[in-house]
Amino acid sequence: MTEPAPVLHAYVCTVCGSDHVTRDAWAAWDVAAQDWVLEAAFDYAHCHRCMGGARLERVVLTSPVTFALPEIAPSATALPETTTPLTRPPAPPGGGFP
């Protein structure tokens, strides 16, 4: 008897539906593996299509290249007028970020 295929997921932006999203995280160097290993993932998420902070929703992939979009109410597709853009803090004196 064959085992069912595993269910695959993607994370998408709840505003625009894009899967081009990232999260802040820490990576630690693993000497034995000679590679960076994810140590912690934080709550902040960024949508590279909206170009700002985002809420993510996990969706089931329906094929290798498509996914089932989350159900979004029509009123939820527009950002509220009270939304303020997120900005990066200024670089320290004498240089950029390491």
C-alpha atoms as a PDB file:
ATOM      1  CA  MET A   1       0.000   0.000   0.000  1.00  0.00           C
ATOM      2  CA  THR A   2       1.408   3.420  -0.933  1.00  0.00           C
ATOM      3  CA  GLU A   3       1.501   6.225   1.563  1.00  0.00           C
ATOM      4  CA  PRO A   4      -0.420   9.394   0.710  1.00  0.00           C
ATOM      5  CA  ALA A   5       1.679  12.301  -0.517  1.00  0.00           C
ATOM      6  CA  PRO A   6       2.590  14.745   2.246  1.00  0.00           C
ATOM      7  CA  VAL A   7       0.583  17.955   2.409  1.00  0.00           C
ATOM      8  CA  LEU A   8       2.774  20.892   1.413  1.00  0.00           C
ATOM      9  CA  HIS A   9       2.223  24.454   2.589  1.00  0.00           C
ATOM     10  CA  ALA A  10       3.240  27.991   1.664  1.00  0.00           C
ATOM     11  CA  TYR A  11       3.009  31.270   3.543  1.00  0.00           C
ATOM     12  CA  VAL A  12       1.303  34.213   1.820  1.00  0.00           C
ATOM     13  CA  CYS A  13       0.699  37.871   2.620  1.00  0.00           C
ATOM     14  CA  THR A  14      -2.870  38.388   3.851  1.00  0.00           C
ATOM     15  CA  VAL A  15      -3.090  41.747   2.015  1.00  0.00           C
ATOM     16  CA  CYS A  16      -1.907  40.921  -1.516  1.00  0.00           C
ATOM     17  CA  GLY A  17      -1.666  37.099  -1.527  1.00  0.00           C
ATOM     18  CA  SER A  18       2.000  37.052  -2.588  1.00  0.00           C
ATOM     19  CA  ASP A  19       4.221  34.233  -1.397  1.00  0.00           C
ATOM     20  CA  HIS A  20       7.318  36.448  -1.716  1.00  0.00           C
ATOM     21  CA  VAL A  21       7.507  36.922   2.054  1.00  0.00           C
ATOM     22  CA  THR A  22      10.257  36.674   4.671  1.00  0.00           C
ATOM     23  CA  ARG A  23      10.577  36.665   8.459  1.00  0.00           C
ATOM     24  CA  ASP A  24      13.241  38.045  10.756  1.00  0.00           C
ATOM     25  CA  ALA A  25      15.400  35.277  12.144  1.00  0.00           C
ATOM     26  CA  TRP A  26      18.755  34.431  13.718  1.00  0.00           C
ATOM     27  CA  ALA A  27      21.121  31.967  12.129  1.00  0.00           C
ATOM     28  CA  ALA A  28      24.049  30.416  13.977  1.00  0.00           C
ATOM     29  CA  TRP A  29      27.183  28.982  12.394  1.00  0.00           C
ATOM     30  CA  ASP A  30      27.335  25.203  12.855  1.00  0.00           C
ATOM     31  CA  VAL A  31      31.011  24.197  12.846  1.00  0.00           C
ATOM     32  CA  ALA A  32      30.275  20.499  12.279  1.00  0.00           C
ATOM     33  CA  ALA A  33      27.893  21.110   9.357  1.00  0.00           C
ATOM     34  CA  GLN A  34      29.920  24.063   8.013  1.00  0.00           C
ATOM     35  CA  ASP A  35      26.705  25.919   7.339  1.00  0.00           C
ATOM     36  CA  TRP A  36      24.348  28.475   8.845  1.00  0.00           C
ATOM     37  CA  VAL A  37      21.550  26.862  10.877  1.00  0.00           C
ATOM     38  CA  LEU A  38      18.288  28.601  11.749  1.00  0.00           C
ATOM     39  CA  GLU A  39      18.326  29.249  15.477  1.00  0.00           C
ATOM     40  CA  ALA A  40      15.240  31.417  16.007  1.00  0.00           C
ATOM     41  CA  ALA A  41      12.432  32.888  13.883  1.00  0.00           C
ATOM     42  CA  PHE A  42      10.755  36.059  15.099  1.00  0.00           C
ATOM     43  CA  ASP A  43       7.248  37.438  14.680  1.00  0.00           C
ATOM     44  CA  TYR A  44       8.091  40.251  12.229  1.00  0.00           C
ATOM     45  CA  ALA A  45       7.197  39.342   8.643  1.00  0.00           C
ATOM     46  CA  HIS A  46       7.828  41.352   5.478  1.00  0.00           C
ATOM     47  CA  CYS A  47       6.034  41.195   2.131  1.00  0.00           C
ATOM     48  CA  HIS A  48       8.326  42.036  -0.781  1.00  0.00           C
ATOM     49  CA  ARG A  49       5.362  42.796  -3.049  1.00  0.00           C
ATOM     50  CA  CYS A  50       3.667  45.207  -0.596  1.00  0.00           C
ATOM     51  CA  MET A  51       7.128  46.397   0.500  1.00  0.00           C
ATOM     52  CA  GLY A  52       6.273  46.468   4.179  1.00  0.00           C
ATOM     53  CA  GLY A  53       5.334  44.634   7.318  1.00  0.00           C
ATOM     54  CA  ALA A  54       2.869  41.826   6.755  1.00  0.00           C
ATOM     55  CA  ARG A  55       0.676  39.246   8.389  1.00  0.00           C
ATOM     56  CA  LEU A  56       1.219  35.796   6.970  1.00  0.00           C
ATOM     57  CA  GLU A  57      -1.247  32.996   6.440  1.00  0.00           C
ATOM     58  CA  ARG A  58      -0.298  29.364   5.927  1.00  0.00           C
ATOM     59  CA  VAL A  59      -2.026  27.861   2.887  1.00  0.00           C
ATOM     60  CA  VAL A  60      -2.108  24.367   1.401  1.00  0.00           C
ATOM     61  CA  LEU A  61      -0.301  23.931  -1.908  1.00  0.00           C
ATOM     62  CA  THR A  62      -2.683  22.472  -4.468  1.00  0.00           C
ATOM     63  CA  SER A  63       0.106  21.729  -6.994  1.00  0.00           C
ATOM     64  CA  PRO A  64       3.869  22.308  -7.143  1.00  0.00           C
ATOM     65  CA  VAL A  65       3.350  25.852  -8.450  1.00  0.00           C
ATOM     66  CA  THR A  66      -0.032  26.996  -7.105  1.00  0.00           C
ATOM     67  CA  PHE A  67      -1.676  27.358  -3.742  1.00  0.00           C
ATOM     68  CA  ALA A  68      -5.130  27.850  -2.324  1.00  0.00           C
ATOM     69  CA  LEU A  69      -5.504  31.556  -1.551  1.00  0.00           C
ATOM     70  CA  PRO A  70      -6.784  32.439   1.911  1.00  0.00           C
ATOM     71  CA  GLU A  71     -10.349  33.640   2.167  1.00  0.00           C
ATOM     72  CA  ILE A  72     -10.134  37.445   2.483  1.00  0.00           C
ATOM     73  CA  ALA A  73     -13.164  39.608   3.069  1.00  0.00           C
ATOM     74  CA  PRO A  74     -13.446  42.414   0.455  1.00  0.00           C
ATOM     75  CA  SER A  75     -13.052  45.074   3.148  1.00  0.00           C
ATOM     76  CA  ALA A  76      -9.845  43.407   4.373  1.00  0.00           C
ATOM     77  CA  THR A  77      -7.963  43.945   1.111  1.00  0.00           C
ATOM     78  CA  ALA A  78      -7.384  47.657   1.717  1.00  0.00           C
ATOM     79  CA  LEU A  79      -5.022  48.917   4.386  1.00  0.00           C
ATOM     80  CA  PRO A  80      -6.631  50.973   7.130  1.00  0.00           C
ATOM     81  CA  GLU A  81      -5.954  54.712   6.926  1.00  0.00           C
ATOM     82  CA  THR A  82      -4.284  54.584  10.349  1.00  0.00           C
ATOM     83  CA  THR A  83      -1.513  52.272   9.129  1.00  0.00           C
ATOM     84  CA  THR A  84       1.929  53.829   9.516  1.00  0.00           C
ATOM     85  CA  PRO A  85       4.849  52.613   7.429  1.00  0.00           C
ATOM     86  CA  LEU A  86       7.643  50.715   9.146  1.00  0.00           C
ATOM     87  CA  THR A  87      11.052  52.335   8.821  1.00  0.00           C
ATOM     88  CA  ARG A  88      14.593  51.135   9.383  1.00  0.00           C
ATOM     89  CA  PRO A  89      16.500  52.894  12.187  1.00  0.00           C
ATOM     90  CA  PRO A  90      19.257  55.269  11.046  1.00  0.00           C
ATOM     91  CA  ALA A  91      22.738  53.819  10.492  1.00  0.00           C
ATOM     92  CA  PRO A  92      25.202  54.309  13.343  1.00  0.00           C
ATOM     93  CA  PRO A  93      27.705  57.175  12.983  1.00  0.00           C
ATOM     94  CA  GLY A  94      30.657  56.321  10.781  1.00  0.00           C
ATOM     95  CA  GLY A  95      29.218  53.435   8.856  1.00  0.00           C
ATOM     96  CA  GLY A  96      26.434  51.156   7.861  1.00  0.00           C
ATOM     97  CA  PHE A  97      25.113  48.037   9.483  1.00  0.00           C
ATOM     98  CA  PRO A  98      27.527  45.113   9.748  1.00  0.00           C
END
